[in-house]
Amino acid sequence: MIKSILAATALLGATSGAAFAGPYVNVEANSGFAGSDYTGTTTEAHVGYAGETDGGVSFYVQGGPALVSTDGADSKSAFTGKAGGSVAVSEAASVYGEISFAAVEDAADTGYATKLGVTWNFWE
């Protein structure tokens, strides 16, 4: 399923006549806490592709290896990825979304997450 989502995102960029597009590298560490108790960190090393269509839709797709370090446990390797984009709905507002996944070593299931939001810009 993730492969089809990533392919659809890439296809969107390829078929819409990209006004700007290009590859990138993104290294990111995400740490978690429960109150003041540290729970762990996932460090991702992604290669991605981002662009913007002539219609003003921006998009990205990225994926690569990750290291999942849970507090008090051995670290595990994973493969993680995300795809998303945004589109302006007015001069001051845009809607964005993202879907991500993590396939962690020895895990029974692949984890998925989604993000959907609206950004308002009051300074233009």
N, C-alpha and C. Protein backbone atom coordinates (compact mmCIF):
# COMPACT_ATOMS: atom_id res chain seq x y z
N MET A 1 0.82 -1.19 0.00
CA MET A 1 0.00 0.00 0.00
C MET A 1 0.87 1.26 0.00
N ILE A 2 1.92 1.27 0.82
CA ILE A 2 2.78 2.45 0.88
C ILE A 2 3.43 2.71 -0.48
N LYS A 3 3.84 1.64 -1.16
CA LYS A 3 4.45 1.82 -2.47
C LYS A 3 3.48 2.51 -3.42
N SER A 4 2.20 2.16 -3.36
CA SER A 4 1.23 2.79 -4.25
C SER A 4 1.00 4.24 -3.86
N ILE A 5 1.05 4.57 -2.57
CA ILE A 5 0.90 5.97 -2.14
C ILE A 5 2.09 6.79 -2.62
N LEU A 6 3.29 6.24 -2.44
CA LEU A 6 4.49 6.94 -2.88
C LEU A 6 4.48 7.11 -4.40
N ALA A 7 4.08 6.09 -5.11
CA ALA A 7 4.02 6.16 -6.56
C ALA A 7 2.98 7.19 -7.02
N ALA A 8 1.84 7.24 -6.34
CA ALA A 8 0.80 8.21 -6.70
C ALA A 8 1.28 9.63 -6.45
N THR A 9 2.00 9.84 -5.37
CA THR A 9 2.53 11.17 -5.08
C THR A 9 3.55 11.57 -6.13
N ALA A 10 4.43 10.66 -6.48
CA ALA A 10 5.42 10.94 -7.52
C ALA A 10 4.75 11.19 -8.86
N LEU A 11 3.73 10.42 -9.16
CA LEU A 11 3.00 10.58 -10.41
C LEU A 11 2.31 11.93 -10.46
N LEU A 12 1.76 12.38 -9.35
CA LEU A 12 1.13 13.69 -9.29
C LEU A 12 2.11 14.76 -9.74
N GLY A 13 3.32 14.69 -9.22
CA GLY A 13 4.34 15.67 -9.59
C GLY A 13 4.75 15.53 -11.04
N ALA A 14 4.86 14.32 -11.52
CA ALA A 14 5.33 14.09 -12.88
C ALA A 14 4.29 14.48 -13.93
N THR A 15 3.03 14.32 -13.63
CA THR A 15 2.00 14.58 -14.62
C THR A 15 1.45 15.99 -14.57
N SER A 16 1.80 16.75 -13.55
CA SER A 16 1.23 18.08 -13.40
C SER A 16 2.14 19.17 -13.96
N GLY A 17 3.24 18.82 -14.56
CA GLY A 17 4.14 19.82 -15.10
C GLY A 17 4.81 20.62 -13.99
N ALA A 18 5.78 20.06 -13.38
CA ALA A 18 6.40 20.67 -12.21
C ALA A 18 7.04 22.01 -12.55
N ALA A 19 6.72 23.03 -11.75
CA ALA A 19 7.35 24.33 -11.89
C ALA A 19 8.70 24.32 -11.17
N PHE A 20 8.81 23.57 -10.10
CA PHE A 20 10.06 23.39 -9.36
C PHE A 20 10.06 21.96 -8.86
N ALA A 21 11.18 21.29 -8.98
CA ALA A 21 11.27 19.92 -8.47
C ALA A 21 12.73 19.57 -8.27
N GLY A 22 12.97 18.69 -7.29
CA GLY A 22 14.34 18.26 -7.09
C GLY A 22 14.52 17.30 -5.95
N PRO A 23 15.65 16.58 -5.98
CA PRO A 23 15.96 15.63 -4.92
C PRO A 23 16.55 16.35 -3.70
N TYR A 24 16.48 15.70 -2.54
CA TYR A 24 17.06 16.25 -1.33
C TYR A 24 17.38 15.12 -0.36
N VAL A 25 18.15 15.45 0.68
CA VAL A 25 18.46 14.53 1.77
C VAL A 25 17.94 15.17 3.04
N ASN A 26 17.30 14.37 3.90
CA ASN A 26 16.74 14.87 5.16
C ASN A 26 17.14 13.91 6.28
N VAL A 27 17.92 14.40 7.24
CA VAL A 27 18.27 13.62 8.43
C VAL A 27 17.51 14.26 9.59
N GLU A 28 16.74 13.45 10.31
CA GLU A 28 15.85 13.99 11.34
C GLU A 28 15.82 13.06 12.54
N ALA A 29 15.85 13.63 13.73
CA ALA A 29 15.73 12.86 14.98
C ALA A 29 14.46 13.31 15.69
N ASN A 30 13.58 12.36 16.00
CA ASN A 30 12.33 12.63 16.70
C ASN A 30 12.37 11.91 18.04
N SER A 31 12.31 12.69 19.12
CA SER A 31 12.36 12.13 20.47
C SER A 31 11.00 12.24 21.14
N GLY A 32 10.72 11.28 22.01
CA GLY A 32 9.44 11.27 22.73
C GLY A 32 9.63 11.35 24.23
N PHE A 33 8.64 11.96 24.89
CA PHE A 33 8.65 12.11 26.34
C PHE A 33 7.24 11.87 26.86
N ALA A 34 7.13 11.28 28.02
CA ALA A 34 5.85 11.17 28.75
C ALA A 34 6.06 12.00 30.01
N GLY A 35 5.52 13.21 30.00
CA GLY A 35 5.86 14.15 31.06
C GLY A 35 7.32 14.52 30.91
N SER A 36 8.12 14.31 31.95
CA SER A 36 9.56 14.57 31.86
C SER A 36 10.35 13.28 31.65
N ASP A 37 9.66 12.15 31.44
CA ASP A 37 10.31 10.86 31.25
C ASP A 37 10.61 10.63 29.77
N TYR A 38 11.89 10.52 29.42
CA TYR A 38 12.32 10.25 28.05
C TYR A 38 11.91 8.83 27.66
N THR A 39 11.27 8.66 26.49
CA THR A 39 10.84 7.34 26.05
C THR A 39 11.67 6.78 24.90
N GLY A 40 12.27 7.66 24.07
CA GLY A 40 13.09 7.16 22.99
C GLY A 40 13.24 8.15 21.85
N THR A 41 14.09 7.77 20.88
CA THR A 41 14.36 8.60 19.71
C THR A 41 14.38 7.73 18.46
N THR A 42 13.79 8.24 17.40
CA THR A 42 13.91 7.62 16.08
C THR A 42 14.69 8.59 15.20
N THR A 43 15.81 8.12 14.66
CA THR A 43 16.65 8.94 13.79
C THR A 43 16.52 8.40 12.37
N GLU A 44 16.07 9.26 11.46
CA GLU A 44 15.82 8.88 10.07
C GLU A 44 16.86 9.52 9.15
N ALA A 45 17.27 8.78 8.13
CA ALA A 45 18.16 9.29 7.08
C ALA A 45 17.44 9.06 5.76
N HIS A 46 16.72 10.07 5.30
CA HIS A 46 15.87 9.94 4.12
C HIS A 46 16.46 10.60 2.89
N VAL A 47 16.15 10.02 1.75
CA VAL A 47 16.38 10.63 0.45
C VAL A 47 14.99 10.92 -0.09
N GLY A 48 14.81 12.11 -0.65
CA GLY A 48 13.48 12.48 -1.10
C GLY A 48 13.47 13.27 -2.38
N TYR A 49 12.26 13.57 -2.80
CA TYR A 49 12.02 14.35 -4.01
C TYR A 49 10.87 15.29 -3.71
N ALA A 50 11.05 16.57 -3.98
CA ALA A 50 10.02 17.57 -3.73
C ALA A 50 9.81 18.41 -4.97
N GLY A 51 8.62 18.95 -5.08
CA GLY A 51 8.33 19.81 -6.21
C GLY A 51 7.07 20.60 -6.01
N GLU A 52 6.80 21.41 -7.00
CA GLU A 52 5.57 22.20 -7.03
C GLU A 52 5.03 22.18 -8.44
N THR A 53 3.74 21.96 -8.58
CA THR A 53 3.14 21.91 -9.90
C THR A 53 2.82 23.31 -10.39
N ASP A 54 2.52 23.43 -11.67
CA ASP A 54 2.11 24.71 -12.24
C ASP A 54 0.84 25.22 -11.57
N GLY A 55 0.04 24.31 -11.04
CA GLY A 55 -1.20 24.68 -10.35
C GLY A 55 -1.00 25.10 -8.91
N GLY A 56 0.25 25.12 -8.41
CA GLY A 56 0.52 25.58 -7.06
C GLY A 56 0.45 24.52 -5.98
N VAL A 57 0.38 23.25 -6.38
CA VAL A 57 0.37 22.16 -5.40
C VAL A 57 1.82 21.76 -5.13
N SER A 58 2.25 21.85 -3.87
CA SER A 58 3.59 21.38 -3.53
C SER A 58 3.49 19.95 -3.02
N PHE A 59 4.53 19.16 -3.26
CA PHE A 59 4.50 17.76 -2.86
C PHE A 59 5.89 17.29 -2.50
N TYR A 60 5.96 16.19 -1.76
CA TYR A 60 7.24 15.55 -1.45
C TYR A 60 7.00 14.08 -1.17
N VAL A 61 8.04 13.31 -1.38
CA VAL A 61 8.05 11.89 -1.04
C VAL A 61 9.48 11.57 -0.59
N GLN A 62 9.62 10.87 0.52
CA GLN A 62 10.95 10.56 1.03
C GLN A 62 10.94 9.25 1.80
N GLY A 63 12.09 8.60 1.86
CA GLY A 63 12.18 7.35 2.60
C GLY A 63 13.62 6.93 2.78
N GLY A 64 13.83 6.03 3.72
CA GLY A 64 15.17 5.52 3.95
C GLY A 64 15.28 4.80 5.28
N PRO A 65 16.52 4.47 5.67
CA PRO A 65 16.73 3.73 6.91
C PRO A 65 16.52 4.62 8.13
N ALA A 66 16.24 3.96 9.24
CA ALA A 66 16.06 4.67 10.51
C ALA A 66 16.59 3.79 11.64
N LEU A 67 16.94 4.43 12.74
CA LEU A 67 17.37 3.75 13.94
C LEU A 67 16.39 4.12 15.04
N VAL A 68 15.73 3.11 15.63
CA VAL A 68 14.75 3.32 16.68
C VAL A 68 15.40 2.95 18.01
N SER A 69 15.58 3.95 18.86
CA SER A 69 16.23 3.77 20.16
C SER A 69 15.21 4.02 21.26
N THR A 70 14.68 2.95 21.82
CA THR A 70 13.72 3.04 22.91
C THR A 70 14.47 3.04 24.23
N ASP A 71 14.09 3.91 25.16
CA ASP A 71 14.77 4.01 26.44
C ASP A 71 14.73 2.67 27.16
N GLY A 72 15.89 2.19 27.58
CA GLY A 72 15.97 0.94 28.33
C GLY A 72 15.93 -0.32 27.48
N ALA A 73 15.98 -0.20 26.16
CA ALA A 73 15.93 -1.38 25.28
C ALA A 73 17.00 -1.25 24.20
N ASP A 74 17.28 -2.35 23.53
CA ASP A 74 18.24 -2.34 22.42
C ASP A 74 17.65 -1.56 21.25
N SER A 75 18.51 -0.88 20.51
CA SER A 75 18.08 -0.15 19.32
C SER A 75 17.71 -1.15 18.22
N LYS A 76 16.78 -0.73 17.36
CA LYS A 76 16.35 -1.56 16.24
C LYS A 76 16.43 -0.75 14.96
N SER A 77 16.70 -1.46 13.86
CA SER A 77 16.70 -0.78 12.57
C SER A 77 15.28 -0.77 12.01
N ALA A 78 15.04 0.16 11.11
CA ALA A 78 13.72 0.31 10.52
C ALA A 78 13.86 0.91 9.14
N PHE A 79 12.78 0.86 8.38
CA PHE A 79 12.67 1.59 7.12
C PHE A 79 11.46 2.49 7.29
N THR A 80 11.65 3.79 7.09
CA THR A 80 10.57 4.74 7.27
C THR A 80 10.41 5.60 6.03
N GLY A 81 9.25 6.19 5.89
CA GLY A 81 9.01 7.07 4.75
C GLY A 81 7.79 7.94 4.97
N LYS A 82 7.69 8.98 4.16
CA LYS A 82 6.55 9.88 4.21
C LYS A 82 6.28 10.47 2.85
N ALA A 83 5.06 10.84 2.64
CA ALA A 83 4.64 11.53 1.43
C ALA A 83 3.59 12.55 1.82
N GLY A 84 3.66 13.70 1.20
CA GLY A 84 2.68 14.72 1.55
C GLY A 84 2.71 15.87 0.58
N GLY A 85 1.93 16.88 0.93
CA GLY A 85 1.87 18.05 0.09
C GLY A 85 0.99 19.11 0.68
N SER A 86 0.91 20.23 -0.04
CA SER A 86 0.04 21.32 0.39
C SER A 86 -0.47 22.08 -0.82
N VAL A 87 -1.59 22.76 -0.61
CA VAL A 87 -2.18 23.56 -1.67
C VAL A 87 -2.79 24.81 -1.03
N ALA A 88 -2.60 25.95 -1.68
CA ALA A 88 -3.18 27.19 -1.20
C ALA A 88 -4.68 27.19 -1.49
N VAL A 89 -5.46 27.57 -0.49
CA VAL A 89 -6.91 27.67 -0.68
C VAL A 89 -7.36 29.13 -0.69
N SER A 90 -6.46 30.04 -0.34
CA SER A 90 -6.68 31.48 -0.44
C SER A 90 -5.30 32.14 -0.38
N GLU A 91 -5.25 33.48 -0.41
CA GLU A 91 -3.97 34.16 -0.32
C GLU A 91 -3.30 33.91 1.03
N ALA A 92 -4.09 33.68 2.07
CA ALA A 92 -3.54 33.56 3.42
C ALA A 92 -3.62 32.15 4.00
N ALA A 93 -4.26 31.22 3.33
CA ALA A 93 -4.45 29.89 3.93
C ALA A 93 -4.04 28.78 2.97
N SER A 94 -3.47 27.73 3.55
CA SER A 94 -3.15 26.54 2.77
C SER A 94 -3.52 25.31 3.58
N VAL A 95 -3.82 24.23 2.87
CA VAL A 95 -4.15 22.94 3.47
C VAL A 95 -3.00 22.00 3.18
N TYR A 96 -2.58 21.24 4.18
CA TYR A 96 -1.47 20.31 3.99
C TYR A 96 -1.84 18.94 4.57
N GLY A 97 -1.15 17.93 4.07
CA GLY A 97 -1.36 16.58 4.57
C GLY A 97 -0.12 15.74 4.39
N GLU A 98 -0.03 14.69 5.21
CA GLU A 98 1.12 13.78 5.15
C GLU A 98 0.68 12.40 5.60
N ILE A 99 1.25 11.39 4.98
CA ILE A 99 1.11 10.02 5.46
C ILE A 99 2.52 9.48 5.64
N SER A 100 2.74 8.78 6.75
CA SER A 100 4.06 8.22 7.01
C SER A 100 3.94 6.78 7.48
N PHE A 101 5.04 6.07 7.41
CA PHE A 101 5.06 4.68 7.86
C PHE A 101 6.41 4.35 8.47
N ALA A 102 6.42 3.31 9.29
CA ALA A 102 7.66 2.80 9.88
C ALA A 102 7.56 1.29 9.95
N ALA A 103 8.46 0.61 9.26
CA ALA A 103 8.57 -0.85 9.31
C ALA A 103 9.79 -1.16 10.17
N VAL A 104 9.56 -1.52 11.42
CA VAL A 104 10.63 -1.71 12.39
C VAL A 104 11.03 -3.18 12.45
N GLU A 105 12.34 -3.43 12.56
CA GLU A 105 12.91 -4.77 12.67
C GLU A 105 12.18 -5.56 13.76
N ASP A 106 11.79 -6.77 13.47
CA ASP A 106 11.13 -7.70 14.39
C ASP A 106 9.76 -7.25 14.87
N ALA A 107 9.19 -6.22 14.29
CA ALA A 107 7.84 -5.78 14.70
C ALA A 107 6.81 -6.59 13.92
N ALA A 108 5.71 -6.91 14.56
CA ALA A 108 4.66 -7.70 13.92
C ALA A 108 3.96 -6.91 12.81
N ASP A 109 3.78 -5.61 13.01
CA ASP A 109 3.05 -4.79 12.05
C ASP A 109 3.83 -3.53 11.70
N THR A 110 3.58 -3.02 10.52
CA THR A 110 4.10 -1.72 10.12
C THR A 110 3.22 -0.64 10.72
N GLY A 111 3.84 0.40 11.27
CA GLY A 111 3.09 1.51 11.84
C GLY A 111 2.83 2.58 10.80
N TYR A 112 1.67 3.22 10.87
CA TYR A 112 1.28 4.28 9.95
C TYR A 112 0.79 5.48 10.74
N ALA A 113 0.95 6.66 10.17
CA ALA A 113 0.45 7.88 10.78
C ALA A 113 0.01 8.84 9.68
N THR A 114 -0.94 9.68 10.01
CA THR A 114 -1.39 10.70 9.07
C THR A 114 -1.36 12.06 9.75
N LYS A 115 -1.29 13.09 8.93
CA LYS A 115 -1.30 14.46 9.42
C LYS A 115 -2.13 15.27 8.43
N LEU A 116 -3.01 16.11 8.93
CA LEU A 116 -3.83 16.98 8.08
C LEU A 116 -3.99 18.29 8.81
N GLY A 117 -3.81 19.40 8.12
CA GLY A 117 -3.93 20.68 8.79
C GLY A 117 -4.13 21.83 7.85
N VAL A 118 -4.35 23.00 8.46
CA VAL A 118 -4.53 24.25 7.74
C VAL A 118 -3.57 25.26 8.35
N THR A 119 -2.89 26.03 7.50
CA THR A 119 -2.01 27.08 7.95
C THR A 119 -2.56 28.42 7.48
N TRP A 120 -2.69 29.38 8.42
CA TRP A 120 -3.11 30.74 8.09
C TRP A 120 -1.92 31.66 8.27
N ASN A 121 -1.67 32.51 7.30
CA ASN A 121 -0.58 33.48 7.36
C ASN A 121 -1.19 34.87 7.55
N PHE A 122 -0.88 35.52 8.67
CA PHE A 122 -1.46 36.83 8.98
C PHE A 122 -0.54 37.98 8.59
N TRP A 123 0.63 37.71 8.03
CA TRP A 123 1.61 38.75 7.76
C TRP A 123 1.71 39.13 6.30
N GLU A 124 0.83 38.70 5.46
CA GLU A 124 0.89 39.09 4.04
C GLU A 124 -0.16 40.09 3.71
